[in-house]
Protein backbone atom coordinates (compact mmCIF):
# COMPACT_ATOMS: atom_id res chain seq x y z
CA UNK A 1 119.03 118.36 68.96
CA UNK A 2 115.94 120.32 69.83
CA UNK A 3 113.48 118.39 67.59
CA UNK A 4 114.77 115.14 69.12
CA UNK A 5 114.05 116.42 72.54
CA UNK A 6 110.69 117.67 71.57
CA UNK A 7 109.73 114.40 69.99
CA UNK A 8 110.83 112.53 73.15
CA UNK A 9 108.75 114.82 75.30
CA UNK A 10 105.87 114.51 73.04
CA UNK A 11 106.13 110.67 72.89
CA UNK A 12 106.54 110.43 76.65
CA UNK A 13 103.59 112.58 77.36
CA UNK A 14 101.51 110.71 74.84
CA UNK A 15 102.48 107.33 76.31
CA UNK A 16 101.62 108.60 79.84
CA UNK A 17 98.36 109.90 78.71
CA UNK A 18 97.50 106.63 77.01
CA UNK A 19 98.52 104.71 80.08
CA UNK A 20 96.34 106.92 82.43
CA UNK A 21 93.34 106.61 79.94
CA UNK A 22 93.71 102.72 79.67
CA UNK A 23 93.95 102.52 83.50
CA UNK A 24 90.73 104.50 83.94
CA UNK A 25 88.89 102.36 81.58
CA UNK A 26 90.14 99.26 83.29
CA UNK A 27 89.31 100.56 86.78
CA UNK A 28 85.75 101.65 85.73
CA UNK A 29 85.20 98.25 84.18
CA UNK A 30 86.75 96.36 87.09
CA UNK A 31 85.08 98.48 89.82
CA UNK A 32 81.56 97.29 88.71
CA UNK A 33 82.68 93.60 88.53
CA UNK A 34 81.58 92.81 92.03
CA UNK A 35 84.53 90.48 92.64
CA UNK A 36 85.86 90.20 96.17
CA UNK A 37 88.40 88.01 97.78
CA UNK A 38 86.79 87.10 101.12
CA UNK A 39 83.21 86.73 102.32
CA UNK A 40 83.83 89.36 105.01
CA UNK A 41 84.73 91.98 102.41
CA UNK A 42 81.91 90.96 100.20
CA UNK A 43 79.31 91.24 103.09
CA UNK A 44 80.95 94.65 104.10
CA UNK A 45 80.36 95.94 100.62
CA UNK A 46 76.84 94.65 100.48
CA UNK A 47 75.89 96.17 103.94
CA UNK A 48 77.25 99.53 102.91
CA UNK A 49 75.96 99.59 99.29
CA UNK A 50 77.02 103.14 98.80
CA UNK A 51 80.66 102.23 99.38
CA UNK A 52 83.34 102.99 96.79
CA UNK A 53 85.25 99.96 95.10
CA UNK A 54 87.80 99.30 92.60
CA UNK A 55 89.16 96.00 91.54
CA UNK A 56 92.82 95.34 90.56
CA UNK A 57 94.85 92.59 88.80
CA UNK A 58 98.49 92.48 88.91
CA UNK A 59 98.79 94.33 85.48
CA UNK A 60 96.34 97.12 86.50
CA UNK A 61 98.50 97.60 89.72
CA UNK A 62 101.57 98.04 87.69
CA UNK A 63 99.79 100.72 85.54
CA UNK A 64 99.07 102.66 88.69
CA UNK A 65 102.91 103.04 88.93
CA UNK A 66 103.02 105.99 86.80
CA UNK A 67 106.34 106.97 87.99
CA UNK A 68 107.63 103.56 86.81
CA UNK A 69 109.20 102.98 90.35
CA UNK A 70 110.89 99.55 90.24
CA UNK A 71 110.36 99.24 94.01
CA UNK A 72 106.56 99.40 93.61
CA UNK A 73 106.70 96.76 90.87
CA UNK A 74 108.60 94.48 93.38
CA UNK A 75 106.02 95.23 96.07
CA UNK A 76 102.97 93.96 94.01
CA UNK A 77 104.72 91.16 92.31
CA UNK A 78 103.11 88.54 94.53
CA UNK A 79 99.59 89.93 94.27
CA UNK A 80 97.27 88.05 92.20
CA UNK A 81 94.35 90.45 92.59
CA UNK A 82 93.20 93.05 95.00
CA UNK A 83 89.85 94.77 96.03
CA UNK A 84 89.91 98.19 97.17
CA UNK A 85 86.86 99.17 99.22
CA UNK A 86 86.09 102.47 101.04
CA UNK A 87 83.33 103.07 103.53
CA UNK A 88 82.31 106.49 104.86
CA UNK A 89 81.68 106.65 108.51
CA UNK A 90 79.15 109.65 108.05
CA UNK A 91 75.99 109.62 110.26
CA UNK A 92 77.50 107.13 112.66
CA UNK A 93 77.05 104.24 110.25
CA UNK A 94 80.38 102.76 110.95
CA UNK A 95 82.14 103.11 114.31
CA UNK A 96 84.37 101.20 116.70
CA UNK A 97 81.77 98.44 117.56
CA UNK A 98 81.37 97.80 113.79
CA UNK A 99 85.08 97.85 113.35
CA UNK A 100 85.67 95.23 116.12
CA UNK A 101 82.87 93.03 114.57
CA UNK A 102 84.68 93.21 111.11
CA UNK A 103 87.87 92.13 112.62
CA UNK A 104 86.23 89.11 114.27
CA UNK A 105 84.68 88.12 110.83
CA UNK A 106 88.29 88.20 109.26
CA UNK A 107 89.53 86.15 111.98
CA UNK A 108 86.82 83.59 111.37
CA UNK A 109 88.21 83.33 107.94
CA UNK A 110 91.60 82.32 109.32
CA UNK A 111 93.23 85.89 109.09
CA UNK A 112 95.74 86.55 111.75
CA UNK A 113 96.98 89.97 113.01
CA UNK A 114 100.49 90.75 111.87
CA UNK A 115 101.14 94.39 112.06
CA UNK A 116 99.44 97.48 113.63
CA UNK A 117 100.85 101.01 112.91
CA UNK A 118 100.00 104.63 112.30
CA UNK A 119 100.90 106.64 109.38
CA UNK A 120 99.78 110.31 108.71
CA UNK A 121 96.99 110.19 111.12
CA UNK A 122 95.63 106.84 109.92
CA UNK A 123 95.60 103.44 111.71
CA UNK A 124 96.89 100.46 109.59
CA UNK A 125 95.98 96.94 110.72
CA UNK A 126 97.31 94.12 108.55
CA UNK A 127 95.89 90.49 108.67
CA UNK A 128 97.57 87.51 106.99
CA UNK A 129 95.95 84.14 105.94
CA UNK A 130 98.32 81.34 105.28
CA UNK A 131 95.98 78.36 106.19
CA UNK A 132 96.37 75.03 104.34
CA UNK A 133 93.92 74.47 101.41
CA UNK A 134 93.43 78.26 100.82
CA UNK A 135 95.41 80.77 98.73
CA UNK A 136 97.60 83.05 100.81
CA UNK A 137 95.69 86.31 101.48
CA UNK A 138 96.43 89.75 103.01
CA UNK A 139 93.89 92.26 104.38
CA UNK A 140 95.00 95.85 105.05
CA UNK A 141 92.48 97.81 107.08
CA UNK A 142 93.24 101.67 107.10
CA UNK A 143 91.20 103.57 109.50
CA UNK A 144 90.78 107.20 109.96
CA UNK A 145 88.16 109.45 111.56
CA UNK A 146 86.21 109.83 108.26
CA UNK A 147 86.56 106.57 106.48
CA UNK A 148 87.52 102.90 106.49
CA UNK A 149 89.70 101.57 103.59
CA UNK A 150 90.05 97.89 102.90
CA UNK A 151 92.69 96.44 100.77
CA UNK A 152 91.68 92.72 100.28
CA UNK A 153 94.45 90.96 98.54
CA UNK A 154 94.89 87.58 97.01
CA UNK A 155 98.60 87.02 97.56
CA UNK A 156 101.17 88.57 99.82
CA UNK A 157 102.99 91.79 100.15
CA UNK A 158 105.92 93.02 102.28
CA UNK A 159 103.83 94.09 105.23
CA UNK A 160 106.31 96.75 106.28
CA UNK A 161 105.45 98.38 102.98
CA UNK A 162 101.67 98.20 103.15
CA UNK A 163 101.56 102.04 103.85
CA UNK A 164 103.62 102.67 100.67
CA UNK A 165 100.97 100.58 98.57
CA UNK A 166 98.04 102.57 99.97
CA UNK A 167 99.85 105.94 99.57
CA UNK A 168 100.70 105.04 95.95
CA UNK A 169 96.98 104.37 95.24
CA UNK A 170 96.04 107.54 97.14
CA UNK A 171 98.47 109.68 95.28
CA UNK A 172 97.75 108.24 91.82
CA UNK A 173 96.33 111.03 89.65
CA UNK A 174 93.24 109.06 88.40
CA UNK A 175 92.52 106.83 91.62
CA UNK A 176 93.36 109.47 94.08
CA UNK A 177 91.05 112.09 92.60
CA UNK A 178 88.21 109.52 92.72
CA UNK A 179 88.93 108.63 96.16
CA UNK A 180 89.08 112.26 97.37
CA UNK A 181 85.90 112.89 95.36
CA UNK A 182 83.96 110.10 97.16
CA UNK A 183 85.50 110.89 100.64
CA UNK A 184 84.35 114.50 100.33
CA UNK A 185 81.18 114.62 98.01
CA UNK A 186 80.16 118.00 99.36
CA UNK A 187 83.25 119.77 98.01
CA UNK A 188 82.87 117.91 94.75
CA UNK A 189 79.27 119.00 94.49
CA UNK A 190 80.27 122.67 95.39
CA UNK A 191 83.01 122.52 92.75
CA UNK A 192 80.47 121.52 90.12
CA UNK A 193 78.14 124.20 91.22
CA UNK A 194 81.01 126.89 90.95
CA UNK A 195 81.43 125.69 87.44
CA UNK A 196 78.02 126.38 86.38
CA UNK A 197 77.95 129.95 87.79
CA UNK A 198 78.10 132.49 84.94
CA UNK A 199 79.68 135.93 85.63
CA UNK A 200 78.39 138.60 83.32
């Protein structure tokens, strides 16, 4: 019985490792694709050209679900594609005035406010577009004291679970580490410096 268990564990770990590697490759390729769903998101990305961005199709979103949670698969089933954009608020480059202007630009693109909430110290503002002649779209703006996160979605989600979508991305081993590295570059630099220190 032990060899069977050992083989099962090995195969499971190998499968997860391959899944994570494939996901990381897809995210690296998609992140540089420059694709965006709305003009407002594209303008924001170009205005803050040091922003962090990733691009997801439905299949890559499912690969984020490393725990294979069926509820997450159900949550993303109506998403065609999604742009994830993160803007640092450092040095006063992005503040309340810029946020209000950003919201106005989304509203010009027929997005309407649906839900406002607060989760774990972050504000979540969700906007929905369901205008005739355009594909349904959802924009989730996640705002905290240090960063602005934008989830620009072609398709729809259960808006009551937008926080769960963001938290799954943030807690993903590959994506979360890249988000945290971008959000706190000083600690990342310090970590690399420590690795280079030799102790005799």
